Protein backbone atom coordinates (compact mmCIF):
# COMPACT_ATOMS: atom_id res chain seq x y z
CA UNK A 1 24.36 3.29 -6.51
CA UNK A 2 21.95 0.51 -7.74
CA UNK A 3 23.97 -1.87 -5.18
CA UNK A 4 23.68 0.44 -2.65
CA UNK A 5 19.90 0.58 -2.95
CA UNK A 6 19.79 -2.98 -3.18
CA UNK A 7 21.73 -3.34 0.09
CA UNK A 8 19.89 -0.48 2.32
CA UNK A 9 17.35 -2.15 4.78
CA UNK A 10 13.95 -0.96 3.23
CA UNK A 11 10.38 -0.25 4.59
CA UNK A 12 7.44 -0.73 2.55
CA UNK A 13 4.13 1.01 3.36
CA UNK A 14 1.96 1.30 0.50
CA UNK A 15 1.33 -2.69 -1.17
CA UNK A 16 -1.65 -4.29 -2.15
CA UNK A 17 -1.46 -7.67 -1.73
CA UNK A 18 -3.68 -8.46 -4.28
CA UNK A 19 -1.23 -6.41 -6.57
CA UNK A 20 1.42 -8.84 -6.25
CA UNK A 21 -0.22 -11.22 -8.19
CA UNK A 22 2.12 -12.51 -10.82
CA UNK A 23 0.83 -13.81 -14.21
CA UNK A 24 2.17 -17.32 -13.45
CA UNK A 25 0.45 -18.02 -10.05
CA UNK A 26 -2.76 -16.35 -11.11
CA UNK A 27 -2.73 -18.96 -13.89
CA UNK A 28 -1.76 -21.97 -11.86
CA UNK A 29 -4.62 -20.76 -9.25
CA UNK A 30 -7.32 -19.80 -11.70
CA UNK A 31 -6.58 -24.16 -12.87
CA UNK A 32 -6.62 -25.63 -9.75
CA UNK A 33 -9.65 -23.82 -8.87
CA UNK A 34 -11.44 -23.98 -11.89
CA UNK A 35 -11.69 -20.33 -12.76
CA UNK A 36 -12.09 -18.79 -16.22
CA UNK A 37 -10.53 -15.67 -16.66
CA UNK A 38 -11.23 -13.21 -19.56
CA UNK A 39 -9.24 -13.54 -22.80
CA UNK A 40 -8.28 -9.54 -22.94
CA UNK A 41 -4.77 -9.09 -21.02
CA UNK A 42 -5.48 -8.47 -17.55
CA UNK A 43 -2.02 -6.52 -17.22
CA UNK A 44 -2.40 -4.15 -19.99
CA UNK A 45 -4.20 -0.83 -19.26
CA UNK A 46 -3.88 2.90 -19.71
CA UNK A 47 -5.60 4.61 -16.79
CA UNK A 48 -6.75 3.80 -12.91
CA UNK A 49 -10.21 2.76 -14.10
CA UNK A 50 -8.86 0.19 -16.61
CA UNK A 51 -6.39 -1.30 -14.07
CA UNK A 52 -8.97 -1.71 -11.33
CA UNK A 53 -11.11 -3.46 -14.23
CA UNK A 54 -8.23 -6.40 -14.58
CA UNK A 55 -7.13 -5.95 -10.78
CA UNK A 56 -10.70 -7.40 -9.74
CA UNK A 57 -11.02 -9.83 -12.48
CA UNK A 58 -7.33 -11.07 -11.43
CA UNK A 59 -8.24 -11.46 -7.87
CA UNK A 60 -11.42 -14.03 -8.40
CA UNK A 61 -8.86 -17.12 -8.76
CA UNK A 62 -7.86 -16.39 -4.82
CA UNK A 63 -10.71 -18.91 -3.53
CA UNK A 64 -9.19 -21.00 -0.32
CA UNK A 65 -6.98 -20.33 2.21
CA UNK A 66 -4.04 -21.57 0.85
CA UNK A 67 -4.15 -19.71 -2.32
CA UNK A 68 -3.85 -16.21 0.32
CA UNK A 69 -1.01 -17.59 1.77
CA UNK A 70 0.70 -18.66 -1.24
CA UNK A 71 -0.03 -15.23 -2.58
CA UNK A 72 1.23 -13.48 0.30
CA UNK A 73 4.67 -15.57 0.93
CA UNK A 74 5.37 -15.23 -3.01
CA UNK A 75 5.65 -11.60 -2.17
CA UNK A 76 7.72 -12.05 0.90
CA UNK A 77 10.22 -14.07 -1.02
CA UNK A 78 10.30 -11.20 -3.71
CA UNK A 79 10.40 -8.44 -1.09
CA UNK A 80 13.12 -9.79 1.20
CA UNK A 81 15.31 -10.71 -1.90
CA UNK A 82 15.26 -6.76 -2.24
CA UNK A 83 16.33 -5.74 1.20
CA UNK A 84 12.87 -5.25 2.42
CA UNK A 85 12.79 -5.68 5.98
CA UNK A 86 9.52 -4.63 7.33
CA UNK A 87 6.12 -4.32 5.02
CA UNK A 88 2.83 -2.81 5.74
CA UNK A 89 0.61 -4.90 3.65
CA UNK A 90 -2.93 -3.79 2.60
CA UNK A 91 -5.49 -6.38 1.94
CA UNK A 92 -8.93 -5.72 -0.05
CA UNK A 93 -11.43 -8.26 2.11
CA UNK A 94 -14.58 -6.62 0.34
CA UNK A 95 -12.80 -8.00 -3.06
CA UNK A 96 -13.28 -11.37 -1.56
CA UNK A 97 -16.66 -10.93 0.66
CA UNK A 98 -18.48 -9.48 -2.35
CA UNK A 99 -17.86 -13.11 -4.31
CA UNK A 100 -18.42 -15.32 -1.48
CA UNK A 101 -15.08 -15.71 0.14
CA UNK A 102 -15.43 -15.72 3.93
CA UNK A 103 -13.27 -12.96 5.69
CA UNK A 104 -11.57 -15.71 7.58
CA UNK A 105 -10.23 -17.33 4.93
CA UNK A 106 -9.24 -14.47 3.55
CA UNK A 107 -7.20 -13.45 6.39
CA UNK A 108 -6.06 -16.38 8.03
CA UNK A 109 -4.43 -17.26 4.73
CA UNK A 110 -2.30 -13.95 5.19
CA UNK A 111 -1.68 -14.68 8.51
CA UNK A 112 -0.01 -17.95 7.99
CA UNK A 113 2.26 -16.41 5.32
CA UNK A 114 3.30 -13.63 7.62
CA UNK A 115 4.36 -15.86 10.52
CA UNK A 116 6.19 -18.12 8.10
CA UNK A 117 8.16 -14.84 6.43
CA UNK A 118 9.42 -13.77 9.95
CA UNK A 119 10.23 -17.32 10.78
CA UNK A 120 12.66 -18.23 7.80
CA UNK A 121 13.20 -14.84 5.97
CA UNK A 122 13.38 -12.32 8.93
CA UNK A 123 10.55 -10.42 7.13
CA UNK A 124 8.48 -8.32 9.71
CA UNK A 125 5.18 -7.42 8.49
CA UNK A 126 1.72 -5.92 9.29
CA UNK A 127 -1.78 -6.16 7.86
CA UNK A 128 -4.04 -2.58 6.64
CA UNK A 129 -7.53 -3.83 5.81
CA UNK A 130 -8.71 -1.74 2.95
CA UNK A 131 -12.19 -0.59 2.56
CA UNK A 132 -13.32 -0.58 -1.10
CA UNK A 133 -14.67 3.37 -1.81
CA UNK A 134 -17.21 2.58 -4.48
CA UNK A 135 -19.17 0.03 -1.92
CA UNK A 136 -21.30 1.88 0.06
CA UNK A 137 -20.14 3.15 3.38
CA UNK A 138 -22.64 0.68 5.35
CA UNK A 139 -20.84 -2.37 3.44
CA UNK A 140 -17.67 -0.73 5.20
CA UNK A 141 -19.20 -0.51 8.17
CA UNK A 142 -20.27 -4.19 8.31
CA UNK A 143 -16.52 -5.59 7.12
CA UNK A 144 -14.91 -3.08 10.17
CA UNK A 145 -17.32 -5.22 12.68
CA UNK A 146 -16.67 -8.65 10.96
CA UNK A 147 -12.92 -7.73 11.02
CA UNK A 148 -13.34 -7.29 15.40
CA UNK A 149 -12.55 -10.98 15.89
CA UNK A 150 -9.33 -10.74 14.10
CA UNK A 151 -8.23 -7.11 15.83
CA UNK A 152 -4.85 -8.22 17.10
CA UNK A 153 -3.67 -9.09 13.35
CA UNK A 154 -4.66 -5.83 11.80
CA UNK A 155 -2.67 -2.67 12.97
CA UNK A 156 -4.90 -0.03 10.99
CA UNK A 157 -7.23 0.47 8.30
CA UNK A 158 -7.18 2.25 4.69
CA UNK A 159 -9.26 3.32 1.53
CA UNK A 160 -8.78 2.83 -1.49
CA UNK A 161 -10.40 1.61 -5.12
CA UNK A 162 -12.44 4.12 -7.87
CA UNK A 163 -11.68 7.83 -5.87
CA UNK A 164 -14.29 9.37 -8.45
CA UNK A 165 -17.00 10.55 -6.53
CA UNK A 166 -16.21 8.56 -3.38
CA UNK A 167 -14.21 11.18 -1.27
CA UNK A 168 -12.92 10.41 2.28
CA UNK A 169 -16.11 12.31 3.98
CA UNK A 170 -18.50 8.93 2.77
CA UNK A 171 -16.08 7.16 5.02
CA UNK A 172 -16.10 9.55 8.22
CA UNK A 173 -18.28 7.51 10.48
CA UNK A 174 -16.52 4.03 9.57
CA UNK A 175 -13.06 5.72 10.39
CA UNK A 176 -14.42 7.05 13.70
CA UNK A 177 -15.45 3.65 14.74
CA UNK A 178 -12.44 2.14 13.38
CA UNK A 179 -9.92 4.82 15.54
CA UNK A 180 -12.28 4.02 18.43
CA UNK A 181 -11.50 0.11 17.79
CA UNK A 182 -7.69 0.96 18.29
CA UNK A 183 -7.26 1.05 14.59
CA UNK A 184 -4.34 3.16 13.05
CA UNK A 185 -5.98 5.38 9.98
CA UNK A 186 -4.60 5.80 6.60
CA UNK A 187 -6.60 6.64 3.19
CA UNK A 188 -5.86 6.87 -0.66
CA UNK A 189 -5.63 10.34 -2.01
CA UNK A 190 -4.75 9.09 -5.76
CA UNK A 191 -2.70 11.41 -7.88
CA UNK A 192 -4.47 13.79 -10.17
CA UNK A 193 -7.66 12.74 -9.69
CA UNK A 194 -10.99 14.97 -9.39
CA UNK A 195 -10.81 17.05 -6.26
CA UNK A 196 -7.64 15.47 -5.08
CA UNK A 197 -6.57 18.38 -2.91
CA UNK A 198 -10.15 18.52 -1.09
CA UNK A 199 -9.93 14.89 -0.59
CA UNK A 200 -6.47 15.37 1.00
CA UNK A 201 -7.77 17.87 2.86
CA UNK A 202 -10.66 15.95 4.44
CA UNK A 203 -8.44 13.08 5.20
CA UNK A 204 -6.17 15.21 7.26
CA UNK A 205 -8.06 17.94 8.78
CA UNK A 206 -11.68 16.12 9.20
CA UNK A 207 -10.75 12.43 9.66
CA UNK A 208 -7.32 12.94 11.18
CA UNK A 209 -5.49 10.27 9.17
CA UNK A 210 -2.51 8.87 10.66
CA UNK A 211 -0.83 8.62 6.99
CA UNK A 212 -1.64 9.59 3.68
CA UNK A 213 -1.35 7.23 0.30
CA UNK A 214 0.02 8.97 -2.89
CA UNK A 215 -0.97 12.55 -1.92
CA UNK A 216 1.35 14.48 -4.29
CA UNK A 217 -1.62 16.85 -4.92
CA UNK A 218 -1.03 18.13 -1.59
CA UNK A 219 1.86 20.39 -3.32
CA UNK A 220 -1.10 22.47 -4.73
CA UNK A 221 -1.77 23.93 -1.28
CA UNK A 222 0.76 25.03 0.92
CA UNK A 223 -1.19 25.13 4.26
CA UNK A 224 -1.78 21.47 3.71
CA UNK A 225 1.85 20.76 3.37
CA UNK A 226 2.69 22.63 6.35
CA UNK A 227 -0.10 21.21 8.10
CA UNK A 228 1.50 17.45 7.39
CA UNK A 229 4.82 18.87 8.10
CA UNK A 230 3.66 19.83 11.24
CA UNK A 231 1.61 16.17 12.33
CA UNK A 232 4.45 14.31 11.24
CA UNK A 233 2.00 12.47 8.68
CA UNK A 234 4.00 10.33 5.83
CA UNK A 235 2.88 10.37 2.42
CA UNK A 236 3.33 6.95 0.39
CA UNK A 237 4.46 7.92 -3.26
CA UNK A 238 4.41 4.98 -5.72
CA UNK A 239 6.69 6.69 -8.58
CA UNK A 240 6.22 3.83 -11.40
CA UNK A 241 2.68 2.93 -10.84
CA UNK A 242 2.14 6.78 -11.40
CA UNK A 243 3.80 6.89 -14.83
CA UNK A 244 1.03 3.92 -15.60
CA UNK A 245 -2.05 6.21 -14.55
CA UNK A 246 -0.68 9.76 -14.96
CA UNK A 247 1.68 11.96 -17.04
CA UNK A 248 4.78 10.34 -15.15
CA UNK A 249 6.33 9.03 -12.25
CA UNK A 250 6.16 12.09 -10.31
CA UNK A 251 9.75 12.63 -9.02
CA UNK A 252 9.89 16.05 -9.30
CA UNK A 253 7.16 16.37 -6.71
CA UNK A 254 8.92 13.79 -4.29
CA UNK A 255 12.22 16.18 -4.91
CA UNK A 256 9.79 18.98 -3.75
CA UNK A 257 8.44 17.17 -0.81
CA UNK A 258 11.62 15.75 0.18
CA UNK A 259 13.06 19.38 0.00
CA UNK A 260 10.21 20.62 2.34
CA UNK A 261 10.92 18.24 4.74
CA UNK A 262 7.76 16.15 4.30
CA UNK A 263 7.69 12.69 5.35
CA UNK A 264 7.51 10.75 1.62
CA UNK A 265 8.32 7.53 1.18
CA UNK A 266 9.03 5.10 -1.58
CA UNK A 267 6.76 1.86 -2.59
CA UNK A 268 5.62 -0.26 -4.92
CA UNK A 269 2.00 -0.04 -4.87
CA UNK A 270 0.87 -3.21 -7.22
CA UNK A 271 3.93 -4.37 -8.41
CA UNK A 272 3.07 -7.33 -10.59
CA UNK A 273 0.81 -5.02 -12.88
CA UNK A 274 3.19 -2.25 -12.76
CA UNK A 275 6.36 -4.36 -13.15
CA UNK A 276 8.55 -2.76 -10.47
CA UNK A 277 8.83 -3.52 -6.80
CA UNK A 278 10.30 -1.34 -4.26
CA UNK A 279 13.75 -1.77 -5.77
CA UNK A 280 12.42 -0.82 -9.27
CA UNK A 281 11.16 2.29 -7.87
CA UNK A 282 13.82 3.48 -6.06
CA UNK A 283 16.54 2.99 -8.57
CA UNK A 284 13.79 5.09 -10.88
CA UNK A 285 13.48 7.90 -8.45
CA UNK A 286 17.38 7.42 -8.08
CA UNK A 287 18.17 8.02 -11.82
CA UNK A 288 15.54 10.56 -12.56
CA UNK A 289 16.69 12.69 -9.71
CA UNK A 290 20.29 11.95 -8.95
CA UNK A 291 19.35 11.09 -5.47
CA UNK A 292 22.67 10.82 -2.93
CA UNK A 293 22.84 8.30 -0.51
CA UNK A 294 22.21 10.31 1.97
CA UNK A 295 19.14 11.04 0.16
CA UNK A 296 18.09 7.55 -0.32
CA UNK A 297 18.62 6.63 3.69
CA UNK A 298 16.34 9.61 4.31
CA UNK A 299 14.08 7.88 2.02
CA UNK A 300 14.37 4.71 4.43
CA UNK A 301 14.20 6.76 7.39
CA UNK A 302 11.03 8.31 6.62
CA UNK A 303 9.39 4.93 5.77
CA UNK A 304 10.07 3.69 8.97
CA UNK A 305 9.45 6.55 11.08
CA UNK A 306 6.15 6.94 9.01
CA UNK A 307 5.49 3.23 9.85
CA UNK A 308 3.47 1.70 12.34
CA UNK A 309 5.86 -0.89 13.08
CA UNK A 310 6.68 -1.91 16.58
CA UNK A 311 9.30 -0.10 18.72
CA UNK A 312 11.69 -2.76 18.63
CA UNK A 313 11.43 -3.55 14.73
CA UNK A 314 11.50 0.27 14.22
CA UNK A 315 14.64 0.84 16.40
CA UNK A 316 16.58 -2.37 14.56
CA UNK A 317 15.79 -0.21 10.98
CA UNK A 318 17.22 2.92 12.08
CA UNK A 319 20.10 1.34 13.83
CA UNK A 320 20.81 -0.59 10.39
CA UNK A 321 20.21 2.63 8.69
CA UNK A 322 22.71 4.74 10.36
CA UNK A 323 25.63 2.28 10.33
CA UNK A 324 25.34 2.64 6.12
């Protein structure tokens, strides 16, 4: 079964590029750029808050355009080796502009890596720009405006970071403007957070997102489940990362969503920190739920159908899945 999972053409929709910063690359970039890292282990944490501390400290080693290129291309090589053929990648520009790194430096490095990955590895990808919800909404709006010269390189916008006291409604005006600019919309509704169901409701019903990241707490509201099914909204679950920040992988919830016919998907989130890329996440879920081959293919069909891939890429992946 693991061999079958490895051979499946996979699509990943919930992947933070800064969260692919492996310790070896982090240390090399720190030495190259003269960055002193804290002595405490950045990859040792017990909840979302402690994870974010190490996450933001780690990205301080990303300074120049080649750093962002190396970060992204290392992920593409790993993903391609695991059978990923299409990926949508979150990046956090405010995590860099807030420490003086120009927006253009970040996105040009990522873009070059995307082009090389498509040419060399045959892996298609698109960028999703995330706003950090623990910053002010005005900063998010300024970041949105700063992105407009690069609009052709960005397929959509998202919302991530610490959810406590930072509901989706805080950024309603930003997301309305993003929609006007032609961006697609997604938002993190993290697992087992305070007011989790209310946040999912705001994202879906008030802001009208095209997708929800995480979102397993939707099962606490049957009306929301029905609405997400009606709209065909995808949920991007990240089983292994759930195990680090809550009480388990939430595989049982994934099973319920799958059985309900919700367009649920499996992704890796921040794989360098959670020590599991998409292959390991799928293997974990398969072993915990004893998924059949058909169910595994359904998860991948959900992923490409919930994606924002160009029609030709989407059809190519669907054809390959149908041939399994």
